[in-house]
Protein backbone atom coordinates (compact mmCIF):
# COMPACT_ATOMS: atom_id res chain seq x y z
CA MET A 1 6.20 22.63 -8.69
CA SER A 2 4.11 20.99 -11.34
CA MET A 3 2.21 17.77 -10.77
CA GLU A 4 4.66 15.85 -12.98
CA SER A 5 7.69 16.99 -11.02
CA GLU A 6 5.92 16.18 -7.76
CA PHE A 7 5.27 12.63 -8.98
CA ARG A 8 8.90 12.27 -10.02
CA MET A 9 10.06 13.52 -6.65
CA ARG A 10 7.71 11.37 -4.55
CA PHE A 11 7.82 8.17 -6.61
CA GLY A 12 11.30 8.38 -8.12
CA GLY A 13 14.45 7.10 -6.56
CA PHE A 14 15.52 3.70 -5.39
CA TRP A 15 13.64 3.41 -2.09
CA ASN A 16 10.33 4.69 -3.42
CA SER A 17 10.54 2.32 -6.37
CA LEU A 18 11.37 -0.50 -3.97
CA ILE A 19 8.29 0.30 -1.88
CA LEU A 20 6.05 0.26 -4.96
CA LEU A 21 7.61 -3.01 -6.09
CA PHE A 22 6.96 -4.46 -2.63
CA VAL A 23 3.28 -3.47 -2.82
CA ILE A 24 2.98 -5.06 -6.27
CA ILE A 25 4.65 -8.26 -5.02
CA VAL A 26 2.29 -8.40 -2.03
CA CYS A 27 -0.71 -8.01 -4.34
CA LEU A 28 0.59 -10.76 -6.64
CA ARG A 29 1.33 -13.10 -3.73
CA PHE A 30 -2.08 -12.56 -2.19
CA ALA A 31 -3.86 -13.17 -5.49
CA SER A 32 -1.81 -16.26 -6.29
CA LEU A 33 -2.48 -17.85 -2.89
CA GLU A 34 -6.12 -16.81 -2.70
CA LEU A 35 -6.94 -18.04 -6.20
CA ALA A 36 -4.63 -21.05 -6.33
CA GLN A 37 -7.19 -23.16 -8.20
CA GLU A 38 -7.78 -20.53 -10.90
CA SER A 39 -5.83 -19.88 -14.09
CA LEU A 40 -2.91 -17.47 -14.36
CA PRO A 41 -4.88 -14.69 -16.13
CA GLU A 42 -7.49 -14.81 -13.36
CA ARG A 43 -4.81 -14.44 -10.67
CA VAL A 44 -3.10 -11.57 -12.50
CA HIS A 45 -6.48 -9.89 -12.98
CA CYS A 46 -7.13 -10.14 -9.23
CA ALA A 47 -3.66 -8.73 -8.46
CA ILE A 48 -4.27 -5.80 -10.81
CA HIS A 49 -7.58 -5.13 -9.08
CA LEU A 50 -5.88 -5.19 -5.69
CA PHE A 51 -3.19 -2.75 -6.83
CA LEU A 52 -5.75 -0.47 -8.46
CA GLY A 53 -7.66 -0.56 -5.16
CA CYS A 54 -4.50 0.68 -3.45
CA VAL A 55 -4.19 3.45 -6.04
CA ALA A 56 -7.86 4.38 -5.54
CA ALA A 57 -7.29 4.57 -1.78
CA GLY A 58 -4.29 6.78 -2.52
CA ILE A 59 -6.33 9.11 -4.71
CA LEU A 60 -9.00 9.37 -2.03
CA LEU A 61 -6.37 10.08 0.59
CA GLY A 62 -4.78 12.66 -1.71
CA ILE A 63 -8.08 14.49 -2.14
CA LEU A 64 -8.67 14.41 1.61
CA LYS A 65 -5.15 15.73 2.19
CA ILE A 66 -5.88 18.69 -0.10
CA PHE A 67 -9.12 19.49 1.72
CA LEU A 68 -7.58 19.15 5.16
CA SER A 69 -4.58 21.30 4.27
CA PHE A 70 -6.81 24.35 3.75
CA SER A 71 -7.26 24.63 7.50
CA ASN A 72 -3.52 25.38 7.88
CA GLN A 73 -2.11 28.85 7.67
CA THR A 74 -1.11 29.96 4.18
CA TYR A 75 2.60 30.12 4.95
CA THR A 76 2.70 26.63 6.51
CA ARG A 77 0.86 24.58 3.91
CA ALA A 78 2.33 22.87 0.89
CA PRO A 79 0.93 23.40 -2.59
CA ALA A 80 -2.04 21.26 -3.62
CA SER A 81 0.07 19.14 -5.97
CA ALA A 82 2.47 18.22 -3.17
CA ASN A 83 -0.37 17.29 -0.83
CA PHE A 84 -2.12 15.23 -3.50
CA VAL A 85 0.98 13.27 -4.53
CA GLN A 86 1.98 12.65 -0.92
CA GLY A 87 -1.55 11.41 -0.21
CA ILE A 88 -1.37 9.03 -3.19
CA LYS A 89 1.95 7.65 -1.96
CA TYR A 90 0.67 7.14 1.59
CA GLY A 91 -2.54 5.56 0.29
CA ILE A 92 -0.72 3.05 -1.91
CA VAL A 93 1.63 2.09 0.91
CA THR A 94 -1.23 1.82 3.41
CA GLY A 95 -3.27 -0.31 1.02
CA GLY A 96 -0.32 -2.63 0.46
CA LEU A 97 0.27 -2.87 4.19
CA LEU A 98 -3.37 -3.80 4.78
CA ILE A 99 -3.20 -6.50 2.10
CA LEU A 100 -0.01 -7.78 3.75
CA ILE A 101 -1.67 -7.94 7.17
CA VAL A 102 -4.77 -9.69 5.84
CA GLY A 103 -2.59 -12.14 3.91
CA MET A 104 -0.51 -12.95 6.97
CA MET A 105 -3.57 -13.56 9.11
CA GLN A 106 -5.80 -15.39 6.62
CA LEU A 107 -3.57 -17.36 4.26
CA ASN A 108 -1.30 -20.21 5.24
CA ASN A 109 2.39 -19.65 4.48
CA PHE A 110 1.85 -16.16 3.02
CA LEU A 111 5.36 -15.01 3.92
CA GLY A 112 7.04 -18.30 3.08
CA VAL A 113 10.08 -18.92 5.28
CA PHE A 114 9.34 -15.78 7.34
CA GLN A 115 5.87 -16.99 8.36
CA PRO A 116 6.99 -18.64 11.66
CA ILE A 117 8.66 -15.39 12.72
CA ALA A 118 5.51 -13.40 11.93
CA ASN A 119 3.34 -15.95 13.75
CA GLY A 120 5.55 -15.68 16.83
CA ILE A 121 5.36 -11.89 16.81
CA LEU A 122 1.57 -12.00 16.36
CA ALA A 123 1.24 -14.50 19.21
CA LYS A 124 3.29 -12.27 21.52
CA LEU A 125 1.24 -9.19 20.56
CA THR A 126 -2.03 -10.96 21.19
CA ALA A 127 -0.71 -12.24 24.51
CA VAL A 128 0.14 -8.70 25.56
CA PHE A 129 -3.32 -7.34 24.73
CA ALA A 130 -5.33 -10.37 25.88
């Protein structure tokens, strides 16, 4: 498959688009709460930087996935374009998840009405490991 068709396959569809939209919303929410005193262009600029950081992490993960796939047998490994695109997808999702975790732990009311539920779950997890 070509790189373009791999991107369409990995990032197309309803659920994949929903995941990307969720990452963008998390970046916007984090920037808007972190820079509440700043102007709107400054907050959007920060959100774009956060999302581009997720994309950069995805590109790095994609390159690593290509290098690590060479250790597999020839008949068991996917083509380089498939590994690269899958690495980009996993990197973007992982970056968004890390921003979500940092936002939940550092910013007050990051999740809005779901914040008490998340705080309860975090308290139970810390009680288990403490």
